[in-house]
Amino acid sequence: IVIVESVRLGARWAEDGPQPGYFPFYLGVIICLSSVVNAIRGLLLRGPHNRAFVEVGQFKLVLSVLIPSAVFVAAVGWLGIYVSAIVYIGIFMRWLGKYPWWKLIAVAFGVSITFYLIFELWFKVPLPKGPIEAWLGLD
């Protein structure tokens, strides 16, 4: 998708420098080629080098981060990035870090407020907002 969209945007060198898709196009090509090389190398492994990449316990640890991250990404479209970030940071701090509630609330809200100040007010880059931001008049 990155390569296709980069070509659509322009992936060449123009008179005034690189077009918008120039760098993403070449990064996408490098990632795709690297993936093919790794897949081939993995299929050609024989003997003692052909063992499990990850054990069950390790895989559970990866999933304990991957699944909440995927839920966070899905929630951004529904709740907005600020509310989703508060919930995401709070869950991770409490569940994995065992932090006290006061630290969890301070950090989770502090990060979202800082992101709002930086992106929305200083850089003037609107980030996805949900119903709570609309209710607060922040949209």
N, C-alpha and C. Protein backbone atom coordinates (compact mmCIF):
# COMPACT_ATOMS: atom_id res chain seq x y z
N ILE A 1 0.83 -1.18 0.00
CA ILE A 1 0.00 0.00 0.00
C ILE A 1 0.88 1.25 0.00
N VAL A 2 1.94 1.22 0.80
CA VAL A 2 2.83 2.38 0.87
C VAL A 2 3.44 2.66 -0.50
N ILE A 3 3.87 1.61 -1.17
CA ILE A 3 4.50 1.79 -2.48
C ILE A 3 3.49 2.35 -3.49
N VAL A 4 2.30 1.79 -3.51
CA VAL A 4 1.27 2.23 -4.45
C VAL A 4 0.90 3.69 -4.20
N GLU A 5 0.67 4.04 -2.95
CA GLU A 5 0.31 5.43 -2.62
C GLU A 5 1.47 6.38 -2.89
N SER A 6 2.69 5.92 -2.68
CA SER A 6 3.85 6.76 -2.97
C SER A 6 3.95 7.07 -4.46
N VAL A 7 3.67 6.08 -5.29
CA VAL A 7 3.68 6.30 -6.73
C VAL A 7 2.57 7.29 -7.11
N ARG A 8 1.41 7.14 -6.47
CA ARG A 8 0.30 8.04 -6.74
C ARG A 8 0.66 9.48 -6.38
N LEU A 9 1.38 9.65 -5.26
CA LEU A 9 1.78 10.99 -4.84
C LEU A 9 2.93 11.56 -5.65
N GLY A 10 3.71 10.67 -6.25
CA GLY A 10 4.89 11.09 -6.99
C GLY A 10 6.13 10.61 -6.28
N ALA A 11 6.83 9.65 -6.89
CA ALA A 11 7.98 9.04 -6.24
C ALA A 11 9.27 9.32 -7.01
N ARG A 12 9.30 10.44 -7.67
CA ARG A 12 10.48 10.79 -8.47
C ARG A 12 11.17 12.01 -7.90
N TRP A 13 12.32 12.29 -8.48
CA TRP A 13 13.04 13.49 -8.11
C TRP A 13 12.63 14.59 -9.09
N ALA A 14 12.05 15.65 -8.59
CA ALA A 14 11.58 16.75 -9.42
C ALA A 14 12.63 17.86 -9.48
N GLU A 15 12.33 18.91 -10.19
CA GLU A 15 13.26 20.04 -10.30
C GLU A 15 13.62 20.64 -8.95
N ASP A 16 12.62 20.69 -8.07
CA ASP A 16 12.82 21.32 -6.77
C ASP A 16 13.10 20.31 -5.65
N GLY A 17 13.41 19.08 -6.00
CA GLY A 17 13.74 18.07 -4.99
C GLY A 17 12.82 16.88 -5.07
N PRO A 18 12.82 16.08 -4.02
CA PRO A 18 12.00 14.86 -4.04
C PRO A 18 10.51 15.17 -3.96
N GLN A 19 9.73 14.38 -4.70
CA GLN A 19 8.28 14.49 -4.61
C GLN A 19 7.82 13.85 -3.30
N PRO A 20 6.57 14.07 -2.90
CA PRO A 20 6.10 13.59 -1.59
C PRO A 20 6.26 12.08 -1.37
N GLY A 21 6.16 11.29 -2.42
CA GLY A 21 6.24 9.84 -2.25
C GLY A 21 7.62 9.26 -2.45
N TYR A 22 8.62 10.09 -2.69
CA TYR A 22 9.97 9.61 -3.02
C TYR A 22 10.56 8.72 -1.91
N PHE A 23 10.68 9.25 -0.72
CA PHE A 23 11.29 8.48 0.36
C PHE A 23 10.41 7.32 0.83
N PRO A 24 9.09 7.51 1.01
CA PRO A 24 8.26 6.35 1.38
C PRO A 24 8.32 5.22 0.35
N PHE A 25 8.41 5.58 -0.94
CA PHE A 25 8.47 4.57 -1.98
C PHE A 25 9.71 3.70 -1.80
N TYR A 26 10.86 4.32 -1.66
CA TYR A 26 12.09 3.54 -1.53
C TYR A 26 12.18 2.80 -0.21
N LEU A 27 11.65 3.37 0.86
CA LEU A 27 11.60 2.64 2.12
C LEU A 27 10.69 1.42 2.00
N GLY A 28 9.56 1.58 1.32
CA GLY A 28 8.64 0.45 1.09
C GLY A 28 9.29 -0.65 0.27
N VAL A 29 10.04 -0.26 -0.76
CA VAL A 29 10.75 -1.25 -1.59
C VAL A 29 11.78 -1.99 -0.76
N ILE A 30 12.54 -1.26 0.05
CA ILE A 30 13.57 -1.90 0.90
C ILE A 30 12.92 -2.86 1.89
N ILE A 31 11.81 -2.47 2.51
CA ILE A 31 11.13 -3.34 3.47
C ILE A 31 10.61 -4.60 2.77
N CYS A 32 10.01 -4.45 1.58
CA CYS A 32 9.49 -5.61 0.85
C CYS A 32 10.61 -6.56 0.44
N LEU A 33 11.69 -6.02 -0.08
CA LEU A 33 12.83 -6.87 -0.47
C LEU A 33 13.43 -7.58 0.74
N SER A 34 13.57 -6.87 1.84
CA SER A 34 14.10 -7.48 3.06
C SER A 34 13.19 -8.60 3.55
N SER A 35 11.89 -8.40 3.45
CA SER A 35 10.93 -9.43 3.88
C SER A 35 11.06 -10.67 3.02
N VAL A 36 11.21 -10.49 1.71
CA VAL A 36 11.37 -11.64 0.81
C VAL A 36 12.66 -12.39 1.13
N VAL A 37 13.75 -11.66 1.34
CA VAL A 37 15.03 -12.29 1.68
C VAL A 37 14.91 -13.07 2.98
N ASN A 38 14.28 -12.48 4.00
CA ASN A 38 14.11 -13.18 5.27
C ASN A 38 13.21 -14.41 5.14
N ALA A 39 12.17 -14.32 4.35
CA ALA A 39 11.28 -15.47 4.15
C ALA A 39 12.03 -16.61 3.46
N ILE A 40 12.81 -16.29 2.45
CA ILE A 40 13.58 -17.32 1.74
C ILE A 40 14.61 -17.96 2.68
N ARG A 41 15.31 -17.12 3.42
CA ARG A 41 16.31 -17.65 4.37
C ARG A 41 15.64 -18.56 5.41
N GLY A 42 14.46 -18.18 5.87
CA GLY A 42 13.75 -18.99 6.85
C GLY A 42 13.31 -20.33 6.27
N LEU A 43 12.88 -20.32 5.03
CA LEU A 43 12.45 -21.57 4.40
C LEU A 43 13.62 -22.50 4.09
N LEU A 44 14.80 -21.97 3.94
CA LEU A 44 15.98 -22.77 3.61
C LEU A 44 16.73 -23.30 4.83
N LEU A 45 16.32 -22.90 6.03
CA LEU A 45 17.00 -23.37 7.24
C LEU A 45 16.81 -24.86 7.43
N ARG A 46 17.86 -25.55 7.77
CA ARG A 46 17.81 -27.00 8.01
C ARG A 46 18.56 -27.32 9.30
N GLY A 47 18.27 -28.47 9.85
CA GLY A 47 19.01 -28.98 10.99
C GLY A 47 18.80 -28.20 12.27
N PRO A 48 19.87 -28.04 13.06
CA PRO A 48 19.74 -27.43 14.39
C PRO A 48 19.37 -25.93 14.33
N HIS A 49 19.57 -25.30 13.21
CA HIS A 49 19.23 -23.89 13.09
C HIS A 49 17.73 -23.68 12.87
N ASN A 50 17.02 -24.74 12.49
CA ASN A 50 15.59 -24.64 12.24
C ASN A 50 14.83 -24.95 13.53
N ARG A 51 14.67 -23.93 14.37
CA ARG A 51 13.98 -24.12 15.65
C ARG A 51 12.93 -23.03 15.80
N ALA A 52 12.14 -23.14 16.83
CA ALA A 52 11.06 -22.17 17.06
C ALA A 52 11.64 -20.78 17.27
N PHE A 53 11.01 -19.81 16.64
CA PHE A 53 11.44 -18.43 16.76
C PHE A 53 11.14 -17.88 18.15
N VAL A 54 9.99 -18.29 18.69
CA VAL A 54 9.56 -17.78 19.98
C VAL A 54 8.87 -18.91 20.76
N GLU A 55 9.11 -18.93 22.05
CA GLU A 55 8.46 -19.92 22.91
C GLU A 55 7.07 -19.40 23.31
N VAL A 56 6.25 -20.28 23.85
CA VAL A 56 4.87 -19.93 24.19
C VAL A 56 4.81 -18.79 25.21
N GLY A 57 5.63 -18.85 26.23
CA GLY A 57 5.65 -17.79 27.25
C GLY A 57 6.05 -16.45 26.67
N GLN A 58 7.03 -16.46 25.80
CA GLN A 58 7.46 -15.22 25.15
C GLN A 58 6.36 -14.68 24.25
N PHE A 59 5.68 -15.58 23.55
CA PHE A 59 4.61 -15.16 22.65
C PHE A 59 3.46 -14.53 23.43
N LYS A 60 3.17 -15.06 24.61
CA LYS A 60 2.12 -14.47 25.45
C LYS A 60 2.50 -13.05 25.87
N LEU A 61 3.78 -12.83 26.17
CA LEU A 61 4.23 -11.48 26.51
C LEU A 61 4.06 -10.52 25.34
N VAL A 62 4.38 -11.00 24.15
CA VAL A 62 4.22 -10.17 22.96
C VAL A 62 2.74 -9.84 22.76
N LEU A 63 1.89 -10.83 22.91
CA LEU A 63 0.45 -10.60 22.74
C LEU A 63 -0.11 -9.67 23.81
N SER A 64 0.49 -9.69 25.01
CA SER A 64 0.01 -8.81 26.08
C SER A 64 0.25 -7.35 25.74
N VAL A 65 1.14 -7.07 24.81
CA VAL A 65 1.36 -5.71 24.34
C VAL A 65 0.64 -5.48 23.00
N LEU A 66 0.68 -6.47 22.13
CA LEU A 66 0.12 -6.33 20.79
C LEU A 66 -1.40 -6.15 20.80
N ILE A 67 -2.10 -6.95 21.56
CA ILE A 67 -3.57 -6.89 21.57
C ILE A 67 -4.08 -5.55 22.11
N PRO A 68 -3.58 -5.08 23.27
CA PRO A 68 -4.04 -3.76 23.72
C PRO A 68 -3.66 -2.64 22.75
N SER A 69 -2.53 -2.78 22.07
CA SER A 69 -2.12 -1.77 21.09
C SER A 69 -3.09 -1.74 19.92
N ALA A 70 -3.50 -2.91 19.45
CA ALA A 70 -4.46 -2.99 18.35
C ALA A 70 -5.82 -2.42 18.79
N VAL A 71 -6.22 -2.70 20.01
CA VAL A 71 -7.48 -2.14 20.52
C VAL A 71 -7.38 -0.61 20.60
N PHE A 72 -6.21 -0.11 21.03
CA PHE A 72 -5.99 1.34 21.10
C PHE A 72 -6.15 1.97 19.72
N VAL A 73 -5.52 1.38 18.72
CA VAL A 73 -5.60 1.92 17.36
C VAL A 73 -7.06 1.92 16.88
N ALA A 74 -7.79 0.86 17.15
CA ALA A 74 -9.20 0.80 16.74
C ALA A 74 -10.03 1.83 17.51
N ALA A 75 -9.70 2.04 18.77
CA ALA A 75 -10.48 2.97 19.60
C ALA A 75 -10.26 4.43 19.20
N VAL A 76 -9.11 4.73 18.60
CA VAL A 76 -8.83 6.11 18.20
C VAL A 76 -9.90 6.63 17.24
N GLY A 77 -10.35 5.81 16.32
CA GLY A 77 -11.38 6.22 15.38
C GLY A 77 -12.73 6.42 16.03
N TRP A 78 -12.96 5.78 17.15
CA TRP A 78 -14.27 5.84 17.81
C TRP A 78 -14.27 6.84 18.97
N LEU A 79 -13.22 6.82 19.80
CA LEU A 79 -13.16 7.69 20.98
C LEU A 79 -12.29 8.92 20.79
N GLY A 80 -11.46 8.92 19.75
CA GLY A 80 -10.49 9.99 19.58
C GLY A 80 -9.17 9.60 20.21
N ILE A 81 -8.11 10.28 19.81
CA ILE A 81 -6.78 9.87 20.26
C ILE A 81 -6.52 10.21 21.72
N TYR A 82 -7.08 11.30 22.20
CA TYR A 82 -6.78 11.73 23.56
C TYR A 82 -7.40 10.82 24.61
N VAL A 83 -8.67 10.51 24.46
CA VAL A 83 -9.35 9.61 25.41
C VAL A 83 -8.76 8.20 25.29
N SER A 84 -8.52 7.74 24.07
CA SER A 84 -7.93 6.41 23.87
C SER A 84 -6.55 6.32 24.52
N ALA A 85 -5.77 7.39 24.39
CA ALA A 85 -4.43 7.40 25.00
C ALA A 85 -4.51 7.36 26.52
N ILE A 86 -5.45 8.07 27.09
CA ILE A 86 -5.61 8.04 28.56
C ILE A 86 -5.92 6.63 29.02
N VAL A 87 -6.86 5.97 28.36
CA VAL A 87 -7.24 4.60 28.73
C VAL A 87 -6.07 3.64 28.50
N TYR A 88 -5.41 3.75 27.37
CA TYR A 88 -4.30 2.87 27.01
C TYR A 88 -3.14 3.00 28.00
N ILE A 89 -2.74 4.21 28.26
CA ILE A 89 -1.63 4.43 29.20
C ILE A 89 -2.03 3.96 30.59
N GLY A 90 -3.26 4.27 30.98
CA GLY A 90 -3.73 3.86 32.30
C GLY A 90 -3.75 2.36 32.48
N ILE A 91 -4.23 1.64 31.48
CA ILE A 91 -4.29 0.18 31.56
C ILE A 91 -2.88 -0.40 31.66
N PHE A 92 -1.97 0.10 30.84
CA PHE A 92 -0.61 -0.43 30.88
C PHE A 92 0.09 -0.10 32.19
N MET A 93 -0.10 1.09 32.69
CA MET A 93 0.57 1.45 33.94
C MET A 93 0.04 0.62 35.10
N ARG A 94 -1.25 0.37 35.11
CA ARG A 94 -1.84 -0.39 36.22
C ARG A 94 -1.58 -1.89 36.07
N TRP A 95 -1.83 -2.41 34.87
CA TRP A 95 -1.76 -3.85 34.64
C TRP A 95 -0.32 -4.36 34.62
N LEU A 96 0.52 -3.76 33.80
CA LEU A 96 1.89 -4.24 33.68
C LEU A 96 2.85 -3.59 34.65
N GLY A 97 2.63 -2.32 34.98
CA GLY A 97 3.56 -1.61 35.84
C GLY A 97 3.20 -1.62 37.31
N LYS A 98 1.94 -1.93 37.62
CA LYS A 98 1.44 -1.94 39.00
C LYS A 98 1.65 -0.60 39.71
N TYR A 99 1.51 0.49 38.95
CA TYR A 99 1.68 1.82 39.53
C TYR A 99 0.46 2.20 40.35
N PRO A 100 0.62 3.07 41.33
CA PRO A 100 -0.55 3.53 42.10
C PRO A 100 -1.45 4.40 41.23
N TRP A 101 -2.72 4.50 41.65
CA TRP A 101 -3.72 5.21 40.86
C TRP A 101 -3.35 6.67 40.62
N TRP A 102 -2.79 7.33 41.62
CA TRP A 102 -2.49 8.75 41.46
C TRP A 102 -1.43 8.98 40.38
N LYS A 103 -0.44 8.09 40.29
CA LYS A 103 0.57 8.23 39.23
C LYS A 103 -0.04 7.92 37.87
N LEU A 104 -0.86 6.91 37.83
CA LEU A 104 -1.53 6.52 36.59
C LEU A 104 -2.35 7.69 36.05
N ILE A 105 -3.14 8.32 36.89
CA ILE A 105 -3.99 9.43 36.45
C ILE A 105 -3.14 10.62 36.03
N ALA A 106 -2.10 10.93 36.79
CA ALA A 106 -1.24 12.07 36.46
C ALA A 106 -0.54 11.87 35.12
N VAL A 107 0.02 10.70 34.91
CA VAL A 107 0.76 10.45 33.66
C VAL A 107 -0.19 10.35 32.47
N ALA A 108 -1.26 9.59 32.60
CA ALA A 108 -2.18 9.40 31.48
C ALA A 108 -2.79 10.73 31.03
N PHE A 109 -3.28 11.51 31.97
CA PHE A 109 -3.86 12.80 31.60
C PHE A 109 -2.77 13.78 31.17
N GLY A 110 -1.62 13.73 31.83
CA GLY A 110 -0.51 14.62 31.48
C GLY A 110 -0.03 14.41 30.05
N VAL A 111 0.08 13.17 29.63
CA VAL A 111 0.51 12.87 28.27
C VAL A 111 -0.52 13.38 27.26
N SER A 112 -1.79 13.12 27.50
CA SER A 112 -2.82 13.57 26.56
C SER A 112 -2.90 15.08 26.49
N ILE A 113 -2.80 15.74 27.62
CA ILE A 113 -2.82 17.21 27.63
C ILE A 113 -1.60 17.76 26.90
N THR A 114 -0.44 17.16 27.13
CA THR A 114 0.78 17.59 26.45
C THR A 114 0.65 17.40 24.94
N PHE A 115 0.14 16.26 24.51
CA PHE A 115 -0.07 16.03 23.08
C PHE A 115 -1.03 17.05 22.49
N TYR A 116 -2.10 17.36 23.22
CA TYR A 116 -3.06 18.35 22.74
C TYR A 116 -2.37 19.70 22.57
N LEU A 117 -1.62 20.13 23.56
CA LEU A 117 -0.93 21.42 23.47
C LEU A 117 0.05 21.46 22.30
N ILE A 118 0.84 20.41 22.18
CA ILE A 118 1.86 20.38 21.13
C ILE A 118 1.22 20.33 19.74
N PHE A 119 0.36 19.36 19.50
CA PHE A 119 -0.16 19.16 18.15
C PHE A 119 -1.27 20.14 17.78
N GLU A 120 -2.24 20.30 18.63
CA GLU A 120 -3.41 21.11 18.29
C GLU A 120 -3.12 22.62 18.38
N LEU A 121 -2.46 23.03 19.44
CA LEU A 121 -2.27 24.47 19.64
C LEU A 121 -0.99 25.00 19.01
N TRP A 122 0.12 24.32 19.22
CA TRP A 122 1.40 24.84 18.73
C TRP A 122 1.63 24.53 17.25
N PHE A 123 1.46 23.26 16.86
CA PHE A 123 1.72 22.88 15.47
C PHE A 123 0.50 23.04 14.57
N LYS A 124 -0.67 23.26 15.17
CA LYS A 124 -1.92 23.40 14.41
C LYS A 124 -2.22 22.17 13.55
N VAL A 125 -1.93 20.99 14.10
CA VAL A 125 -2.19 19.72 13.42
C VAL A 125 -3.32 19.02 14.16
N PRO A 126 -4.51 18.98 13.58
CA PRO A 126 -5.62 18.34 14.27
C PRO A 126 -5.46 16.82 14.29
N LEU A 127 -5.64 16.26 15.46
CA LEU A 127 -5.60 14.81 15.61
C LEU A 127 -7.04 14.31 15.78
N PRO A 128 -7.28 13.01 15.55
CA PRO A 128 -8.65 12.48 15.63
C PRO A 128 -9.27 12.71 17.00
N LYS A 129 -10.47 13.22 16.99
CA LYS A 129 -11.19 13.48 18.24
C LYS A 129 -12.49 12.69 18.25
N GLY A 130 -12.97 12.43 19.44
CA GLY A 130 -14.19 11.66 19.60
C GLY A 130 -15.28 12.48 20.24
N PRO A 131 -16.30 11.81 20.74
CA PRO A 131 -17.46 12.51 21.30
C PRO A 131 -17.14 13.31 22.56
N ILE A 132 -16.20 12.86 23.35
CA ILE A 132 -15.88 13.59 24.60
C ILE A 132 -15.22 14.92 24.29
N GLU A 133 -14.31 14.93 23.32
CA GLU A 133 -13.68 16.19 22.93
C GLU A 133 -14.71 17.15 22.34
N ALA A 134 -15.66 16.61 21.57
CA ALA A 134 -16.72 17.45 21.02
C ALA A 134 -17.57 18.03 22.13
N TRP A 135 -17.89 17.22 23.14
CA TRP A 135 -18.68 17.67 24.28
C TRP A 135 -17.94 18.75 25.06
N LEU A 136 -16.60 18.64 25.13
CA LEU A 136 -15.80 19.65 25.83
C LEU A 136 -15.51 20.88 24.96
N GLY A 137 -15.91 20.84 23.68
CA GLY A 137 -15.68 21.95 22.77
C GLY A 137 -14.26 22.02 22.24
N LEU A 138 -13.55 20.89 22.20
CA LEU A 138 -12.16 20.86 21.75
C LEU A 138 -12.02 20.45 20.29
N ASP A 139 -13.13 20.25 19.60
CA ASP A 139 -13.05 19.79 18.20
C ASP A 139 -12.93 20.89 17.21
